[in-house]
Amino acid sequence: MNALDAGSTRPYLIRALYEGCVDNGLTPYVAVSVDDSVQVPREYVKDNEIVLNISFDATSHLKIDNDFVHFRARFGGVSRDIEVPID
């Protein structure tokens, strides 16, 4: 396998930054450019962007895989499923 055949390094970088924040007592956030492929509460989107706190205290069932960041979070007291493509 050569470098051109390898997959994206983006999911690995996101996981590393997440773990670095958690290990150092910082709050991990992700800024998301919102389009039709993103599942977030649209009422919290401003200028096609949303910033999400992905800390342990703010989410449940957080999973950062090679294709998506998935979790549940409360917005205005209502639990919502969030799905953000890594692309």
PDB file of N, CA and C in Angstrom:
ATOM      1  N   MET A   1       0.855  -1.171   0.000  1.00  0.00           N
ATOM      2  CA  MET A   1       0.000   0.000   0.000  1.00  0.00           C
ATOM      3  C   MET A   1       0.902   1.235   0.000  1.00  0.00           C
ATOM      4  N   ASN A   2       0.579   2.187  -0.845  1.00  0.00           N
ATOM      5  CA  ASN A   2       1.323   3.441  -0.834  1.00  0.00           C
ATOM      6  C   ASN A   2       0.456   4.548  -0.246  1.00  0.00           C
ATOM      7  N   ALA A   3       1.020   5.741  -0.123  1.00  0.00           N
ATOM      8  CA  ALA A   3       0.316   6.858   0.511  1.00  0.00           C
ATOM      9  C   ALA A   3      -0.970   7.222  -0.226  1.00  0.00           C
ATOM     10  N   LEU A   4      -0.999   7.042  -1.534  1.00  0.00           N
ATOM     11  CA  LEU A   4      -2.200   7.381  -2.293  1.00  0.00           C
ATOM     12  C   LEU A   4      -3.337   6.402  -2.037  1.00  0.00           C
ATOM     13  N   ASP A   5      -3.013   5.170  -1.660  1.00  0.00           N
ATOM     14  CA  ASP A   5      -4.038   4.161  -1.388  1.00  0.00           C
ATOM     15  C   ASP A   5      -4.562   4.243   0.043  1.00  0.00           C
ATOM     16  N   ALA A   6      -3.834   4.898   0.904  1.00  0.00           N
ATOM     17  CA  ALA A   6      -4.228   4.988   2.316  1.00  0.00           C
ATOM     18  C   ALA A   6      -5.480   5.847   2.459  1.00  0.00           C
ATOM     19  N   GLY A   7      -6.277   5.564   3.490  1.00  0.00           N
ATOM     20  CA  GLY A   7      -7.465   6.366   3.767  1.00  0.00           C
ATOM     21  C   GLY A   7      -7.095   7.698   4.379  1.00  0.00           C
ATOM     22  N   SER A   8      -8.092   8.466   4.659  1.00  0.00           N
ATOM     23  CA  SER A   8      -7.902   9.779   5.255  1.00  0.00           C
ATOM     24  C   SER A   8      -7.312   9.670   6.657  1.00  0.00           C
ATOM     25  N   THR A   9      -6.460  10.602   7.003  1.00  0.00           N
ATOM     26  CA  THR A   9      -5.920  10.660   8.365  1.00  0.00           C
ATOM     27  C   THR A   9      -6.823  11.486   9.287  1.00  0.00           C
ATOM     28  N   ARG A  10      -7.842  12.139   8.716  1.00  0.00           N
ATOM     29  CA  ARG A  10      -8.715  13.015   9.499  1.00  0.00           C
ATOM     30  C   ARG A  10      -9.334  12.330  10.724  1.00  0.00           C
ATOM     31  N   PRO A  11      -9.906  11.118  10.631  1.00  0.00           N
ATOM     32  CA  PRO A  11     -10.505  10.517  11.829  1.00  0.00           C
ATOM     33  C   PRO A  11      -9.474  10.251  12.927  1.00  0.00           C
ATOM     34  N   TYR A  12      -8.254   9.915  12.529  1.00  0.00           N
ATOM     35  CA  TYR A  12      -7.206   9.659  13.519  1.00  0.00           C
ATOM     36  C   TYR A  12      -6.804  10.953  14.222  1.00  0.00           C
ATOM     37  N   LEU A  13      -6.744  12.033  13.470  1.00  0.00           N
ATOM     38  CA  LEU A  13      -6.408  13.334  14.060  1.00  0.00           C
ATOM     39  C   LEU A  13      -7.503  13.807  15.004  1.00  0.00           C
ATOM     40  N   ILE A  14      -8.748  13.610  14.619  1.00  0.00           N
ATOM     41  CA  ILE A  14      -9.871  14.006  15.483  1.00  0.00           C
ATOM     42  C   ILE A  14      -9.830  13.218  16.789  1.00  0.00           C
ATOM     43  N   ARG A  15      -9.611  11.898  16.698  1.00  0.00           N
ATOM     44  CA  ARG A  15      -9.540  11.079  17.916  1.00  0.00           C
ATOM     45  C   ARG A  15      -8.352  11.492  18.784  1.00  0.00           C
ATOM     46  N   ALA A  16      -7.210  11.781  18.160  1.00  0.00           N
ATOM     47  CA  ALA A  16      -6.025  12.184  18.921  1.00  0.00           C
ATOM     48  C   ALA A  16      -6.249  13.525  19.619  1.00  0.00           C
ATOM     49  N   LEU A  17      -6.848  14.481  18.920  1.00  0.00           N
ATOM     50  CA  LEU A  17      -7.130  15.773  19.549  1.00  0.00           C
ATOM     51  C   LEU A  17      -8.141  15.633  20.680  1.00  0.00           C
ATOM     52  N   TYR A  18      -9.156  14.798  20.464  1.00  0.00           N
ATOM     53  CA  TYR A  18     -10.145  14.540  21.508  1.00  0.00           C
ATOM     54  C   TYR A  18      -9.458  13.974  22.759  1.00  0.00           C
ATOM     55  N   GLU A  19      -8.660  12.935  22.571  1.00  0.00           N
ATOM     56  CA  GLU A  19      -7.980  12.306  23.704  1.00  0.00           C
ATOM     57  C   GLU A  19      -7.009  13.267  24.370  1.00  0.00           C
ATOM     58  N   GLY A  20      -6.311  14.083  23.590  1.00  0.00           N
ATOM     59  CA  GLY A  20      -5.397  15.069  24.155  1.00  0.00           C
ATOM     60  C   GLY A  20      -6.131  16.076  25.023  1.00  0.00           C
ATOM     61  N   CYS A  21      -7.284  16.546  24.554  1.00  0.00           N
ATOM     62  CA  CYS A  21      -8.085  17.486  25.356  1.00  0.00           C
ATOM     63  C   CYS A  21      -8.534  16.832  26.657  1.00  0.00           C
ATOM     64  N   VAL A  22      -9.094  15.637  26.558  1.00  0.00           N
ATOM     65  CA  VAL A  22      -9.597  14.937  27.741  1.00  0.00           C
ATOM     66  C   VAL A  22      -8.464  14.661  28.729  1.00  0.00           C
ATOM     67  N   ASP A  23      -7.336  14.177  28.243  1.00  0.00           N
ATOM     68  CA  ASP A  23      -6.201  13.867  29.117  1.00  0.00           C
ATOM     69  C   ASP A  23      -5.662  15.087  29.847  1.00  0.00           C
ATOM     70  N   ASN A  24      -5.837  16.263  29.259  1.00  0.00           N
ATOM     71  CA  ASN A  24      -5.300  17.487  29.848  1.00  0.00           C
ATOM     72  C   ASN A  24      -6.364  18.352  30.516  1.00  0.00           C
ATOM     73  N   GLY A  25      -7.548  17.782  30.726  1.00  0.00           N
ATOM     74  CA  GLY A  25      -8.608  18.489  31.440  1.00  0.00           C
ATOM     75  C   GLY A  25      -9.246  19.610  30.640  1.00  0.00           C
ATOM     76  N   LEU A  26      -9.135  19.562  29.314  1.00  0.00           N
ATOM     77  CA  LEU A  26      -9.730  20.579  28.454  1.00  0.00           C
ATOM     78  C   LEU A  26     -11.044  20.070  27.880  1.00  0.00           C
ATOM     79  N   THR A  27     -11.887  20.966  27.433  1.00  0.00           N
ATOM     80  CA  THR A  27     -13.160  20.590  26.833  1.00  0.00           C
ATOM     81  C   THR A  27     -13.009  20.484  25.325  1.00  0.00           C
ATOM     82  N   PRO A  28     -13.261  19.309  24.762  1.00  0.00           N
ATOM     83  CA  PRO A  28     -13.165  19.159  23.306  1.00  0.00           C
ATOM     84  C   PRO A  28     -14.424  19.679  22.599  1.00  0.00           C
ATOM     85  N   TYR A  29     -14.222  20.500  21.600  1.00  0.00           N
ATOM     86  CA  TYR A  29     -15.298  21.024  20.767  1.00  0.00           C
ATOM     87  C   TYR A  29     -15.001  20.680  19.319  1.00  0.00           C
ATOM     88  N   VAL A  30     -16.041  20.559  18.511  1.00  0.00           N
ATOM     89  CA  VAL A  30     -15.872  20.457  17.065  1.00  0.00           C
ATOM     90  C   VAL A  30     -16.730  21.530  16.411  1.00  0.00           C
ATOM     91  N   ALA A  31     -16.139  22.231  15.465  1.00  0.00           N
ATOM     92  CA  ALA A  31     -16.875  23.195  14.652  1.00  0.00           C
ATOM     93  C   ALA A  31     -17.297  22.464  13.381  1.00  0.00           C
ATOM     94  N   VAL A  32     -18.573  22.530  13.071  1.00  0.00           N
ATOM     95  CA  VAL A  32     -19.133  21.750  11.974  1.00  0.00           C
ATOM     96  C   VAL A  32     -19.757  22.675  10.938  1.00  0.00           C
ATOM     97  N   SER A  33     -19.367  22.478   9.699  1.00  0.00           N
ATOM     98  CA  SER A  33     -20.023  23.135   8.567  1.00  0.00           C
ATOM     99  C   SER A  33     -21.254  22.300   8.237  1.00  0.00           C
ATOM    100  N   VAL A  34     -22.414  22.885   8.342  1.00  0.00           N
ATOM    101  CA  VAL A  34     -23.669  22.127   8.246  1.00  0.00           C
ATOM    102  C   VAL A  34     -24.191  22.118   6.807  1.00  0.00           C
ATOM    103  N   ASP A  35     -24.486  20.903   6.336  1.00  0.00           N
ATOM    104  CA  ASP A  35     -25.174  20.700   5.066  1.00  0.00           C
ATOM    105  C   ASP A  35     -26.164  19.558   5.270  1.00  0.00           C
ATOM    106  N   ASP A  36     -26.709  19.037   4.188  1.00  0.00           N
ATOM    107  CA  ASP A  36     -27.737  17.992   4.301  1.00  0.00           C
ATOM    108  C   ASP A  36     -27.218  16.675   4.871  1.00  0.00           C
ATOM    109  N   SER A  37     -25.897  16.462   4.872  1.00  0.00           N
ATOM    110  CA  SER A  37     -25.340  15.207   5.384  1.00  0.00           C
ATOM    111  C   SER A  37     -25.140  15.213   6.899  1.00  0.00           C
ATOM    112  N   VAL A  38     -25.349  16.348   7.530  1.00  0.00           N
ATOM    113  CA  VAL A  38     -25.107  16.515   8.966  1.00  0.00           C
ATOM    114  C   VAL A  38     -26.434  16.429   9.714  1.00  0.00           C
ATOM    115  N   GLN A  39     -26.449  15.622  10.777  1.00  0.00           N
ATOM    116  CA  GLN A  39     -27.652  15.500  11.604  1.00  0.00           C
ATOM    117  C   GLN A  39     -27.419  16.229  12.919  1.00  0.00           C
ATOM    118  N   VAL A  40     -27.897  17.465  12.985  1.00  0.00           N
ATOM    119  CA  VAL A  40     -27.808  18.300  14.184  1.00  0.00           C
ATOM    120  C   VAL A  40     -29.116  19.070  14.310  1.00  0.00           C
ATOM    121  N   PRO A  41     -29.409  19.607  15.494  1.00  0.00           N
ATOM    122  CA  PRO A  41     -30.621  20.417  15.632  1.00  0.00           C
ATOM    123  C   PRO A  41     -30.459  21.719  14.825  1.00  0.00           C
ATOM    124  N   ARG A  42     -31.221  21.862  13.780  1.00  0.00           N
ATOM    125  CA  ARG A  42     -31.081  23.002  12.856  1.00  0.00           C
ATOM    126  C   ARG A  42     -31.362  24.344  13.530  1.00  0.00           C
ATOM    127  N   GLU A  43     -32.154  24.329  14.596  1.00  0.00           N
ATOM    128  CA  GLU A  43     -32.470  25.598  15.256  1.00  0.00           C
ATOM    129  C   GLU A  43     -31.261  26.214  15.971  1.00  0.00           C
ATOM    130  N   TYR A  44     -30.174  25.439  16.127  1.00  0.00           N
ATOM    131  CA  TYR A  44     -28.946  25.935  16.763  1.00  0.00           C
ATOM    132  C   TYR A  44     -27.848  26.246  15.744  1.00  0.00           C
ATOM    133  N   VAL A  45     -28.155  26.099  14.479  1.00  0.00           N
ATOM    134  CA  VAL A  45     -27.188  26.382  13.409  1.00  0.00           C
ATOM    135  C   VAL A  45     -27.241  27.863  13.070  1.00  0.00           C
ATOM    136  N   LYS A  46     -26.056  28.488  12.995  1.00  0.00           N
ATOM    137  CA  LYS A  46     -25.965  29.896  12.600  1.00  0.00           C
ATOM    138  C   LYS A  46     -24.949  30.015  11.479  1.00  0.00           C
ATOM    139  N   ASP A  47     -25.339  30.655  10.402  1.00  0.00           N
ATOM    140  CA  ASP A  47     -24.465  30.839   9.239  1.00  0.00           C
ATOM    141  C   ASP A  47     -23.902  29.503   8.754  1.00  0.00           C
ATOM    142  N   ASN A  48     -24.750  28.479   8.745  1.00  0.00           N
ATOM    143  CA  ASN A  48     -24.381  27.124   8.296  1.00  0.00           C
ATOM    144  C   ASN A  48     -23.272  26.494   9.121  1.00  0.00           C
ATOM    145  N   GLU A  49     -23.138  26.898  10.371  1.00  0.00           N
ATOM    146  CA  GLU A  49     -22.143  26.317  11.283  1.00  0.00           C
ATOM    147  C   GLU A  49     -22.765  26.045  12.638  1.00  0.00           C
ATOM    148  N   ILE A  50     -22.203  25.054  13.313  1.00  0.00           N
ATOM    149  CA  ILE A  50     -22.557  24.779  14.700  1.00  0.00           C
ATOM    150  C   ILE A  50     -21.287  24.305  15.402  1.00  0.00           C
ATOM    151  N   VAL A  51     -21.129  24.715  16.647  1.00  0.00           N
ATOM    152  CA  VAL A  51     -20.000  24.265  17.461  1.00  0.00           C
ATOM    153  C   VAL A  51     -20.569  23.343  18.524  1.00  0.00           C
ATOM    154  N   LEU A  52     -20.021  22.138  18.594  1.00  0.00           N
ATOM    155  CA  LEU A  52     -20.533  21.112  19.494  1.00  0.00           C
ATOM    156  C   LEU A  52     -19.506  20.743  20.553  1.00  0.00           C
ATOM    157  N   ASN A  53     -19.950  20.731  21.798  1.00  0.00           N
ATOM    158  CA  ASN A  53     -19.140  20.250  22.913  1.00  0.00           C
ATOM    159  C   ASN A  53     -19.246  18.729  22.888  1.00  0.00           C
ATOM    160  N   ILE A  54     -18.121  18.044  22.714  1.00  0.00           N
ATOM    161  CA  ILE A  54     -18.158  16.579  22.657  1.00  0.00           C
ATOM    162  C   ILE A  54     -17.498  15.951  23.891  1.00  0.00           C
ATOM    163  N   SER A  55     -17.517  16.689  25.001  1.00  0.00           N
ATOM    164  CA  SER A  55     -16.938  16.150  26.231  1.00  0.00           C
ATOM    165  C   SER A  55     -17.800  15.013  26.776  1.00  0.00           C
ATOM    166  N   PHE A  56     -17.215  14.238  27.667  1.00  0.00           N
ATOM    167  CA  PHE A  56     -17.909  13.123  28.304  1.00  0.00           C
ATOM    168  C   PHE A  56     -19.166  13.608  29.017  1.00  0.00           C
ATOM    169  N   ASP A  57     -19.086  14.766  29.693  1.00  0.00           N
ATOM    170  CA  ASP A  57     -20.227  15.294  30.444  1.00  0.00           C
ATOM    171  C   ASP A  57     -21.350  15.813  29.543  1.00  0.00           C
ATOM    172  N   ALA A  58     -21.035  16.187  28.304  1.00  0.00           N
ATOM    173  CA  ALA A  58     -22.027  16.776  27.414  1.00  0.00           C
ATOM    174  C   ALA A  58     -22.661  15.768  26.461  1.00  0.00           C
ATOM    175  N   THR A  59     -22.080  14.570  26.368  1.00  0.00           N
ATOM    176  CA  THR A  59     -22.563  13.591  25.395  1.00  0.00           C
ATOM    177  C   THR A  59     -22.805  12.245  26.054  1.00  0.00           C
ATOM    178  N   SER A  60     -23.514  11.412  25.339  1.00  0.00           N
ATOM    179  CA  SER A  60     -23.585   9.990  25.708  1.00  0.00           C
ATOM    180  C   SER A  60     -23.416   9.188  24.422  1.00  0.00           C
ATOM    181  N   HIS A  61     -22.868   8.014  24.574  1.00  0.00           N
ATOM    182  CA  HIS A  61     -22.647   7.101  23.448  1.00  0.00           C
ATOM    183  C   HIS A  61     -21.772   7.715  22.355  1.00  0.00           C
ATOM    184  N   LEU A  62     -20.764   8.502  22.750  1.00  0.00           N
ATOM    185  CA  LEU A  62     -19.870   9.115  21.768  1.00  0.00           C
ATOM    186  C   LEU A  62     -19.062   8.044  21.045  1.00  0.00           C
ATOM    187  N   LYS A  63     -19.072   8.112  19.729  1.00  0.00           N
ATOM    188  CA  LYS A  63     -18.270   7.205  18.912  1.00  0.00           C
ATOM    189  C   LYS A  63     -17.667   8.019  17.770  1.00  0.00           C
ATOM    190  N   ILE A  64     -16.349   7.976  17.684  1.00  0.00           N
ATOM    191  CA  ILE A  64     -15.643   8.631  16.588  1.00  0.00           C
ATOM    192  C   ILE A  64     -15.055   7.514  15.736  1.00  0.00           C
ATOM    193  N   ASP A  65     -15.730   7.188  14.640  1.00  0.00           N
ATOM    194  CA  ASP A  65     -15.209   6.133  13.772  1.00  0.00           C
ATOM    195  C   ASP A  65     -14.592   6.778  12.527  1.00  0.00           C
ATOM    196  N   ASN A  66     -14.282   5.985  11.544  1.00  0.00           N
ATOM    197  CA  ASN A  66     -13.587   6.521  10.370  1.00  0.00           C
ATOM    198  C   ASN A  66     -14.490   7.312   9.437  1.00  0.00           C
ATOM    199  N   ASP A  67     -15.804   7.219   9.622  1.00  0.00           N
ATOM    200  CA  ASP A  67     -16.728   7.913   8.739  1.00  0.00           C
ATOM    201  C   ASP A  67     -17.557   8.997   9.413  1.00  0.00           C
ATOM    202  N   PHE A  68     -17.883   8.806  10.693  1.00  0.00           N
ATOM    203  CA  PHE A  68     -18.775   9.735  11.389  1.00  0.00           C
ATOM    204  C   PHE A  68     -18.357   9.948  12.840  1.00  0.00           C
ATOM    205  N   VAL A  69     -18.783  11.083  13.381  1.00  0.00           N
ATOM    206  CA  VAL A  69     -18.805  11.319  14.825  1.00  0.00           C
ATOM    207  C   VAL A  69     -20.277  11.187  15.207  1.00  0.00           C
ATOM    208  N   HIS A  70     -20.591  10.227  16.078  1.00  0.00           N
ATOM    209  CA  HIS A  70     -21.967   9.960  16.508  1.00  0.00           C
ATOM    210  C   HIS A  70     -22.040  10.173  18.020  1.00  0.00           C
ATOM    211  N   PHE A  71     -23.140  10.742  18.493  1.00  0.00           N
ATOM    212  CA  PHE A  71     -23.394  10.824  19.932  1.00  0.00           C
ATOM    213  C   PHE A  71     -24.807  11.322  20.173  1.00  0.00           C
ATOM    214  N   ARG A  72     -25.204  11.285  21.433  1.00  0.00           N
ATOM    215  CA  ARG A  72     -26.465  11.880  21.885  1.00  0.00           C
ATOM    216  C   ARG A  72     -26.111  13.043  22.784  1.00  0.00           C
ATOM    217  N   ALA A  73     -26.885  14.111  22.679  1.00  0.00           N
ATOM    218  CA  ALA A  73     -26.664  15.281  23.522  1.00  0.00           C
ATOM    219  C   ALA A  73     -27.997  15.981  23.749  1.00  0.00           C
ATOM    220  N   ARG A  74     -28.034  16.760  24.809  1.00  0.00           N
ATOM    221  CA  ARG A  74     -29.251  17.513  25.131  1.00  0.00           C
ATOM    222  C   ARG A  74     -29.132  18.932  24.590  1.00  0.00           C
ATOM    223  N   PHE A  75     -30.203  19.363  23.946  1.00  0.00           N
ATOM    224  CA  PHE A  75     -30.327  20.726  23.460  1.00  0.00           C
ATOM    225  C   PHE A  75     -31.642  21.249  23.998  1.00  0.00           C
ATOM    226  N   GLY A  76     -31.578  22.268  24.848  1.00  0.00           N
ATOM    227  CA  GLY A  76     -32.796  22.785  25.454  1.00  0.00           C
ATOM    228  C   GLY A  76     -33.523  21.737  26.263  1.00  0.00           C
ATOM    229  N   GLY A  77     -32.774  20.803  26.859  1.00  0.00           N
ATOM    230  CA  GLY A  77     -33.358  19.762  27.695  1.00  0.00           C
ATOM    231  C   GLY A  77     -33.876  18.551  26.936  1.00  0.00           C
ATOM    232  N   VAL A  78     -33.769  18.570  25.612  1.00  0.00           N
ATOM    233  CA  VAL A  78     -34.264  17.469  24.793  1.00  0.00           C
ATOM    234  C   VAL A  78     -33.081  16.683  24.238  1.00  0.00           C
ATOM    235  N   SER A  79     -33.080  15.365  24.473  1.00  0.00           N
ATOM    236  CA  SER A  79     -32.001  14.510  23.989  1.00  0.00           C
ATOM    237  C   SER A  79     -32.134  14.331  22.478  1.00  0.00           C
ATOM    238  N   ARG A  80     -31.003  14.542  21.771  1.00  0.00           N
ATOM    239  CA  ARG A  80     -31.003  14.460  20.304  1.00  0.00           C
ATOM    240  C   ARG A  80     -29.853  13.572  19.831  1.00  0.00           C
ATOM    241  N   ASP A  81     -30.084  12.869  18.737  1.00  0.00           N
ATOM    242  CA  ASP A  81     -29.030  12.098  18.077  1.00  0.00           C
ATOM    243  C   ASP A  81     -28.275  13.027  17.152  1.00  0.00           C
ATOM    244  N   ILE A  82     -26.949  13.000  17.250  1.00  0.00           N
ATOM    245  CA  ILE A  82     -26.085  13.838  16.433  1.00  0.00           C
ATOM    246  C   ILE A  82     -25.222  12.933  15.581  1.00  0.00           C
ATOM    247  N   GLU A  83     -25.090  13.295  14.304  1.00  0.00           N
ATOM    248  CA  GLU A  83     -24.238  12.533  13.406  1.00  0.00           C
ATOM    249  C   GLU A  83     -23.552  13.529  12.461  1.00  0.00           C
ATOM    250  N   VAL A  84     -22.216  13.521  12.530  1.00  0.00           N
ATOM    251  CA  VAL A  84     -21.431  14.443  11.726  1.00  0.00           C
ATOM    252  C   VAL A  84     -20.462  13.620  10.885  1.00  0.00           C
ATOM    253  N   PRO A  85     -20.513  13.748   9.561  1.00  0.00           N
ATOM    254  CA  PRO A  85     -19.552  13.016   8.743  1.00  0.00           C
ATOM    255  C   PRO A  85     -18.143  13.559   8.938  1.00  0.00           C
ATOM    256  N   ILE A  86     -17.166  12.678   8.931  1.00  0.00           N
ATOM    257  CA  ILE A  86     -15.767  13.088   9.096  1.00  0.00           C
ATOM    258  C   ILE A  86     -15.299  13.927   7.910  1.00  0.00           C
ATOM    259  N   ASP A  87     -15.823  13.643   6.718  1.00  0.00           N
ATOM    260  CA  ASP A  87     -15.419  14.422   5.538  1.00  0.00           C
ATOM    261  C   ASP A  87     -15.632  15.883   5.769  1.00  0.00           C
TER     262      ASP A  87
END
